[in-house]
Amino acid sequence: MRSRRLGMTVRRRIGGLDPVREAQEVARLSLQTLHGQPMLVHALFSVAFARQVAIPSIARVLWRRGRGDIIVDTARRNDDTIVFFGQFLDRDLASAEARRWIERMNAIHAHFPIANDESLYTLATLALEPQRLVALVGASPFSEAEREGHWRFWSAVARAQGITGIPESRAALRAWMTGYEASRYAPSEGGRAVTGALVEDFARRWFPPALRPLAPQVFSSLCTPDLRRVHGLAEPSPVVAAATHAAARTYFRLTPVRLVPPDRSFVTEFGTRRHGHRDPARVGYRRTVEPGGPAGSPTEAVSAVANTDQPR
């Protein structure tokens, strides 16, 4: 790994890029180099995932009556999805290697009837959820170039996946997202079970045993009231919520003077260091056989946030 750089140096680099023509580099520097601290990434990922399973049809396939890998092997499935994100961020989407990862994701999707509007909602959470979460805690760490770069990068990934009907601007996507959540959010047994598994994974990764009872409140404090209501999450205590939000604001405020690794990657943090080097075929959902079921029948699916196991 190359020597670390001050965050302000990376910000200046982002400021010199065109977020339209160089969206991928803007997104990589913003999401991985500047803000790729693993606990932050995992928290944002988990909240976005909880939003996905607030849609009952998405939750149903993920949960699979408790047999889905997101329930029985939560950490591995979360890691796999974040590795997909890192592979997309690290590579030119037109390159042969990027196409291998896109094709792997599309092959996973082919096992399930995923509706295009559910894919669009996944795009919306990837492009816009970071901004919603930082606003919730009272921070504003992303420049306009970063926000535009996030949106354009994830839109390019979505087009590469074959998703259609993508809104033409961030504002249009945000308006669509708001309406979609208002019309489709609903409590479900599967959604609450998956969210419970996400909270448990969050607690086990980042909290020592003595502090794990606080993890559900910390997680809840990063969710909007509508998301808490759908999943039956307890209201966080005012003290825990205030402390969590203050800690997040302090972290973001110190970004310009923090030393960051210029080549930090989700692939390394959530893939290689945890599971070793893997080819695309070894990451994510793989067809297996249920006891008594037909050969080759799928038994579970991978993470909804990457849309790798949502019903389409």
Protein backbone atom coordinates (compact mmCIF):
# COMPACT_ATOMS: atom_id res chain seq x y z
CA MET A 1 0.00 0.00 0.00
CA ARG A 2 1.30 3.43 -0.88
CA SER A 3 1.98 6.02 1.81
CA ARG A 4 -1.08 7.66 3.29
CA ARG A 5 -2.31 11.08 2.26
CA LEU A 6 -4.20 13.81 4.03
CA GLY A 7 -7.90 13.83 3.33
CA MET A 8 -7.69 17.42 2.10
CA THR A 9 -5.26 16.26 -0.61
CA VAL A 10 -7.77 13.69 -1.82
CA ARG A 11 -10.52 16.30 -1.73
CA ARG A 12 -8.45 18.60 -3.92
CA ARG A 13 -7.97 15.72 -6.34
CA ILE A 14 -11.74 15.16 -6.47
CA GLY A 15 -12.27 18.88 -7.01
CA GLY A 16 -10.09 18.72 -10.10
CA LEU A 17 -12.13 15.94 -11.71
CA ASP A 18 -15.20 16.22 -13.92
CA PRO A 19 -18.00 14.32 -12.10
CA VAL A 20 -19.71 13.64 -15.43
CA ARG A 21 -16.80 12.32 -17.50
CA GLU A 22 -14.81 10.98 -14.54
CA ALA A 23 -17.62 9.78 -12.30
CA GLN A 24 -15.98 6.46 -11.53
CA GLU A 25 -12.79 8.04 -10.19
CA VAL A 26 -14.80 10.57 -8.19
CA ALA A 27 -16.87 7.76 -6.65
CA ARG A 28 -13.80 5.63 -5.93
CA LEU A 29 -11.92 8.44 -4.20
CA SER A 30 -15.00 9.53 -2.26
CA LEU A 31 -16.51 6.20 -1.20
CA GLN A 32 -13.35 4.14 -0.73
CA THR A 33 -10.37 6.43 -0.17
CA LEU A 34 -11.95 9.23 1.87
CA HIS A 35 -14.88 7.46 3.51
CA GLY A 36 -14.00 3.77 3.23
CA GLN A 37 -13.42 3.18 6.95
CA PRO A 38 -14.82 -0.35 7.40
CA MET A 39 -17.20 0.33 10.30
CA LEU A 40 -18.67 3.34 8.48
CA VAL A 41 -19.03 1.36 5.25
CA HIS A 42 -20.68 -1.57 7.03
CA ALA A 43 -23.08 0.69 8.93
CA LEU A 44 -24.15 2.48 5.76
CA PHE A 45 -24.47 -0.82 3.90
CA SER A 46 -26.58 -2.34 6.68
CA VAL A 47 -28.99 0.59 6.84
CA ALA A 48 -29.37 0.57 3.06
CA PHE A 49 -30.01 -3.18 3.21
CA ALA A 50 -32.70 -2.62 5.85
CA ARG A 51 -34.34 -0.20 3.42
CA GLN A 52 -34.32 -2.86 0.73
CA VAL A 53 -36.13 -5.38 2.93
CA ALA A 54 -38.75 -2.79 3.88
CA ILE A 55 -40.18 -3.90 0.51
CA PRO A 56 -41.96 -7.19 1.37
CA SER A 57 -41.38 -8.82 -2.02
CA ILE A 58 -37.63 -8.26 -1.68
CA ALA A 59 -37.62 -9.48 1.92
CA ARG A 60 -39.48 -12.67 1.02
CA VAL A 61 -36.76 -14.09 -1.21
CA LEU A 62 -33.97 -12.97 1.08
CA TRP A 63 -35.56 -14.50 4.15
CA ARG A 64 -36.79 -17.76 2.54
CA ARG A 65 -38.51 -18.73 5.80
CA GLY A 66 -35.24 -18.52 7.64
CA ARG A 67 -33.22 -20.57 5.13
CA GLY A 68 -31.66 -17.71 3.21
CA ASP A 69 -27.94 -17.24 3.57
CA ILE A 70 -28.50 -13.69 4.77
CA ILE A 71 -30.03 -15.36 7.83
CA VAL A 72 -27.75 -18.37 8.30
CA ASP A 73 -24.45 -16.84 7.07
CA THR A 74 -25.06 -13.11 7.44
CA ALA A 75 -21.48 -11.87 7.67
CA ARG A 76 -20.30 -13.79 4.60
CA ARG A 77 -23.23 -12.64 2.49
CA ASN A 78 -22.72 -9.02 3.53
CA ASP A 79 -19.01 -9.24 2.74
CA ASP A 80 -19.73 -10.70 -0.70
CA THR A 81 -22.02 -7.85 -1.66
CA ILE A 82 -19.57 -5.19 -0.55
CA VAL A 83 -16.86 -6.98 -2.58
CA PHE A 84 -19.05 -6.58 -5.67
CA PHE A 85 -19.23 -2.85 -4.95
CA GLY A 86 -15.47 -2.65 -4.60
CA GLN A 87 -14.87 -4.52 -7.84
CA PHE A 88 -17.07 -2.02 -9.68
CA LEU A 89 -15.39 0.97 -8.05
CA ASP A 90 -11.87 -0.30 -8.72
CA ARG A 91 -12.26 -0.98 -12.43
CA ASP A 92 -13.19 0.76 -15.65
CA LEU A 93 -16.71 -0.56 -16.20
CA ALA A 94 -15.88 -1.06 -19.89
CA SER A 95 -12.93 -3.35 -19.08
CA ALA A 96 -13.02 -7.11 -19.56
CA GLU A 97 -12.51 -7.74 -15.84
CA ALA A 98 -15.35 -5.42 -14.86
CA ARG A 99 -17.57 -7.22 -17.36
CA ARG A 100 -16.74 -10.52 -15.62
CA TRP A 101 -18.08 -9.12 -12.35
CA ILE A 102 -21.14 -7.58 -14.02
CA GLU A 103 -21.86 -10.88 -15.75
CA ARG A 104 -21.48 -12.71 -12.45
CA MET A 105 -24.02 -10.44 -10.84
CA ASN A 106 -26.39 -10.80 -13.79
CA ALA A 107 -26.02 -14.58 -13.63
CA ILE A 108 -27.05 -14.44 -9.97
CA HIS A 109 -30.05 -12.28 -10.84
CA ALA A 110 -31.11 -14.70 -13.54
CA HIS A 111 -32.12 -17.21 -10.86
CA PHE A 112 -34.86 -14.89 -9.60
CA PRO A 113 -37.76 -12.90 -11.12
CA ILE A 114 -36.60 -9.43 -10.01
CA ALA A 115 -38.86 -6.55 -11.08
CA ASN A 116 -37.21 -3.60 -12.78
CA ASP A 117 -38.69 -1.18 -10.23
CA GLU A 118 -36.97 -3.14 -7.44
CA SER A 119 -33.69 -2.82 -9.31
CA LEU A 120 -34.29 0.92 -9.64
CA TYR A 121 -34.87 1.14 -5.91
CA THR A 122 -31.56 -0.61 -5.32
CA LEU A 123 -29.91 1.99 -7.56
CA ALA A 124 -31.56 4.74 -5.53
CA THR A 125 -30.25 3.41 -2.22
CA LEU A 126 -26.73 3.07 -3.60
CA ALA A 127 -26.69 6.53 -5.14
CA LEU A 128 -28.60 8.48 -2.51
CA GLU A 129 -28.56 6.68 0.85
CA PRO A 130 -25.09 7.97 1.82
CA GLN A 131 -26.42 11.51 1.57
CA ARG A 132 -29.57 10.72 3.54
CA LEU A 133 -27.60 9.07 6.35
CA VAL A 134 -25.06 11.87 6.76
CA ALA A 135 -27.88 14.42 6.77
CA LEU A 136 -29.60 12.41 9.51
CA VAL A 137 -26.55 12.72 11.77
CA GLY A 138 -26.16 16.41 10.97
CA ALA A 139 -23.10 16.18 8.72
CA SER A 140 -22.40 17.25 5.14
CA PRO A 141 -19.12 15.63 4.09
CA PHE A 142 -19.84 15.22 0.37
CA SER A 143 -19.14 17.98 -2.12
CA GLU A 144 -21.47 18.59 -5.05
CA ALA A 145 -18.93 16.86 -7.29
CA GLU A 146 -18.99 13.80 -5.01
CA ARG A 147 -22.79 13.65 -4.94
CA GLU A 148 -22.97 13.92 -8.71
CA GLY A 149 -20.18 11.38 -9.14
CA HIS A 150 -21.95 8.88 -6.87
CA TRP A 151 -25.15 9.19 -8.86
CA ARG A 152 -23.52 8.93 -12.28
CA PHE A 153 -21.30 6.01 -11.28
CA TRP A 154 -24.13 3.89 -9.89
CA SER A 155 -26.30 4.77 -12.87
CA ALA A 156 -23.56 3.43 -15.15
CA VAL A 157 -23.43 0.21 -13.12
CA ALA A 158 -27.22 -0.10 -13.40
CA ARG A 159 -27.13 0.38 -17.16
CA ALA A 160 -24.42 -2.27 -17.43
CA GLN A 161 -26.75 -4.64 -15.56
CA GLY A 162 -29.52 -3.97 -18.06
CA ILE A 163 -31.74 -1.95 -15.72
CA THR A 164 -34.10 0.35 -17.63
CA GLY A 165 -36.14 3.46 -16.89
CA ILE A 166 -33.37 5.16 -14.92
CA PRO A 167 -34.36 8.77 -14.09
CA GLU A 168 -32.29 11.40 -15.85
CA SER A 169 -31.14 13.29 -12.76
CA ARG A 170 -30.47 12.90 -9.05
CA ALA A 171 -33.47 15.06 -8.26
CA ALA A 172 -35.75 12.91 -10.41
CA LEU A 173 -34.41 9.73 -8.81
CA ARG A 174 -34.90 11.17 -5.33
CA ALA A 175 -38.51 12.09 -6.13
CA TRP A 176 -39.14 8.62 -7.52
CA MET A 177 -37.51 7.02 -4.48
CA THR A 178 -39.66 9.02 -2.07
CA GLY A 179 -42.85 7.97 -3.82
CA TYR A 180 -41.76 4.35 -4.06
CA GLU A 181 -41.02 4.13 -0.35
CA ALA A 182 -44.35 5.74 0.53
CA SER A 183 -46.28 3.24 -1.59
CA ARG A 184 -44.26 0.05 -1.03
CA TYR A 185 -42.90 0.09 2.52
CA ALA A 186 -44.76 -2.39 4.72
CA PRO A 187 -43.95 -4.60 7.71
CA SER A 188 -43.19 -8.25 6.94
CA GLU A 189 -41.90 -11.21 8.90
CA GLY A 190 -39.06 -11.64 6.43
CA GLY A 191 -38.08 -7.98 6.51
CA ARG A 192 -37.90 -7.93 10.29
CA ALA A 193 -35.95 -11.20 10.41
CA VAL A 194 -33.38 -9.97 7.90
CA THR A 195 -33.04 -6.64 9.70
CA GLY A 196 -32.53 -8.50 12.96
CA ALA A 197 -29.72 -10.49 11.33
CA LEU A 198 -28.15 -7.26 10.05
CA VAL A 199 -28.24 -5.71 13.52
CA GLU A 200 -26.68 -8.84 15.02
CA ASP A 201 -23.87 -8.81 12.45
CA PHE A 202 -23.29 -5.09 13.11
CA ALA A 203 -23.06 -5.79 16.85
CA ARG A 204 -20.69 -8.74 16.56
CA ARG A 205 -18.31 -6.99 14.17
CA TRP A 206 -17.88 -3.67 15.90
CA PHE A 207 -18.84 -3.91 19.58
CA PRO A 208 -17.01 -5.73 22.38
CA PRO A 209 -19.28 -8.14 24.28
CA ALA A 210 -19.87 -5.74 27.17
CA LEU A 211 -21.16 -3.04 24.80
CA ARG A 212 -23.17 -5.20 22.39
CA PRO A 213 -26.49 -4.45 24.11
CA LEU A 214 -26.05 -0.86 22.84
CA ALA A 215 -25.66 -1.90 19.20
CA PRO A 216 -29.40 -2.10 18.36
CA GLN A 217 -29.88 1.45 19.64
CA VAL A 218 -26.88 2.71 17.68
CA PHE A 219 -28.23 1.03 14.55
CA SER A 220 -31.72 2.41 15.17
CA SER A 221 -30.30 5.92 15.57
CA LEU A 222 -29.02 5.68 11.98
CA CYS A 223 -32.51 4.86 10.65
CA THR A 224 -35.27 7.30 9.83
CA PRO A 225 -38.56 7.00 11.77
CA ASP A 226 -40.41 5.37 8.87
CA LEU A 227 -37.77 2.65 8.61
CA ARG A 228 -37.87 2.03 12.36
CA ARG A 229 -41.67 1.69 12.24
CA VAL A 230 -41.63 -0.80 9.35
CA HIS A 231 -39.12 -3.09 11.04
CA GLY A 232 -40.32 -2.60 14.61
CA LEU A 233 -36.97 -1.19 15.71
CA ALA A 234 -36.97 0.34 19.18
CA GLU A 235 -36.54 4.07 19.46
CA PRO A 236 -32.96 4.79 20.51
CA SER A 237 -32.48 6.54 23.82
CA PRO A 238 -31.80 10.26 23.39
CA VAL A 239 -28.37 9.79 24.95
CA VAL A 240 -27.31 6.99 22.58
CA ALA A 241 -28.69 8.80 19.54
CA ALA A 242 -26.97 12.06 20.47
CA ALA A 243 -23.67 10.30 21.16
CA THR A 244 -23.82 8.33 17.89
CA HIS A 245 -24.62 11.39 15.80
CA ALA A 246 -21.97 13.47 17.55
CA ALA A 247 -19.35 10.79 16.95
CA ALA A 248 -20.27 10.64 13.27
CA ARG A 249 -20.12 14.43 12.91
CA THR A 250 -16.70 14.50 14.56
CA TYR A 251 -15.43 11.76 12.28
CA PHE A 252 -16.54 13.62 9.16
CA ARG A 253 -15.28 16.96 10.47
CA LEU A 254 -11.78 15.50 10.85
CA THR A 255 -11.70 14.01 7.35
CA PRO A 256 -9.54 16.79 5.83
CA VAL A 257 -6.74 16.22 8.35
CA ARG A 258 -7.03 12.42 8.57
CA LEU A 259 -4.39 10.31 6.83
CA VAL A 260 -6.09 7.93 4.41
CA PRO A 261 -4.69 5.09 2.24
CA PRO A 262 -4.99 6.23 -1.40
CA ASP A 263 -5.57 2.69 -2.68
CA ARG A 264 -8.05 1.56 -0.03
CA SER A 265 -10.57 -0.88 -1.49
CA PHE A 266 -13.69 -2.67 -0.32
CA VAL A 267 -12.30 -5.74 -2.08
CA THR A 268 -9.39 -5.87 0.33
CA GLU A 269 -11.25 -4.83 3.49
CA PHE A 270 -14.25 -7.15 3.04
CA GLY A 271 -12.86 -9.76 0.68
CA THR A 272 -9.17 -10.63 0.59
CA ARG A 273 -8.45 -10.04 4.27
CA ARG A 274 -11.44 -12.08 5.39
CA HIS A 275 -11.83 -14.75 2.72
CA GLY A 276 -8.70 -14.70 0.54
CA HIS A 277 -8.53 -13.99 -3.18
CA ARG A 278 -11.58 -15.24 -5.07
CA ASP A 279 -12.68 -15.27 -8.68
CA PRO A 280 -16.17 -13.91 -9.50
CA ALA A 281 -17.67 -17.40 -9.63
CA ARG A 282 -16.78 -17.93 -5.95
CA VAL A 283 -18.45 -14.75 -4.71
CA GLY A 284 -22.15 -14.59 -3.97
CA TYR A 285 -25.06 -16.95 -4.54
CA ARG A 286 -24.39 -20.48 -5.78
CA ARG A 287 -27.06 -23.00 -6.75
CA THR A 288 -27.46 -25.89 -4.32
CA VAL A 289 -30.00 -28.62 -3.75
CA GLU A 290 -32.56 -28.62 -0.97
CA PRO A 291 -33.18 -31.96 0.75
CA GLY A 292 -35.76 -33.72 -1.35
CA GLY A 293 -35.69 -30.94 -3.95
CA PRO A 294 -34.82 -31.13 -7.66
CA ALA A 295 -31.15 -31.00 -8.63
CA GLY A 296 -29.96 -27.48 -9.16
CA SER A 297 -32.85 -25.76 -7.38
CA PRO A 298 -31.71 -22.56 -5.68
CA THR A 299 -32.08 -22.52 -1.90
CA GLU A 300 -31.20 -18.96 -1.04
CA ALA A 301 -30.02 -15.64 -2.36
CA VAL A 302 -27.39 -13.03 -1.72
CA SER A 303 -27.58 -9.45 -0.55
CA ALA A 304 -30.48 -7.27 -1.56
CA VAL A 305 -28.49 -4.10 -1.48
CA ALA A 306 -26.43 -5.32 -4.44
CA ASN A 307 -29.68 -6.70 -5.88
CA THR A 308 -28.00 -10.11 -5.95
CA ASP A 309 -30.90 -11.94 -4.43
CA GLN A 310 -33.96 -9.81 -4.79
CA PRO A 311 -37.00 -11.13 -6.61
CA ARG A 312 -37.25 -9.33 -9.91
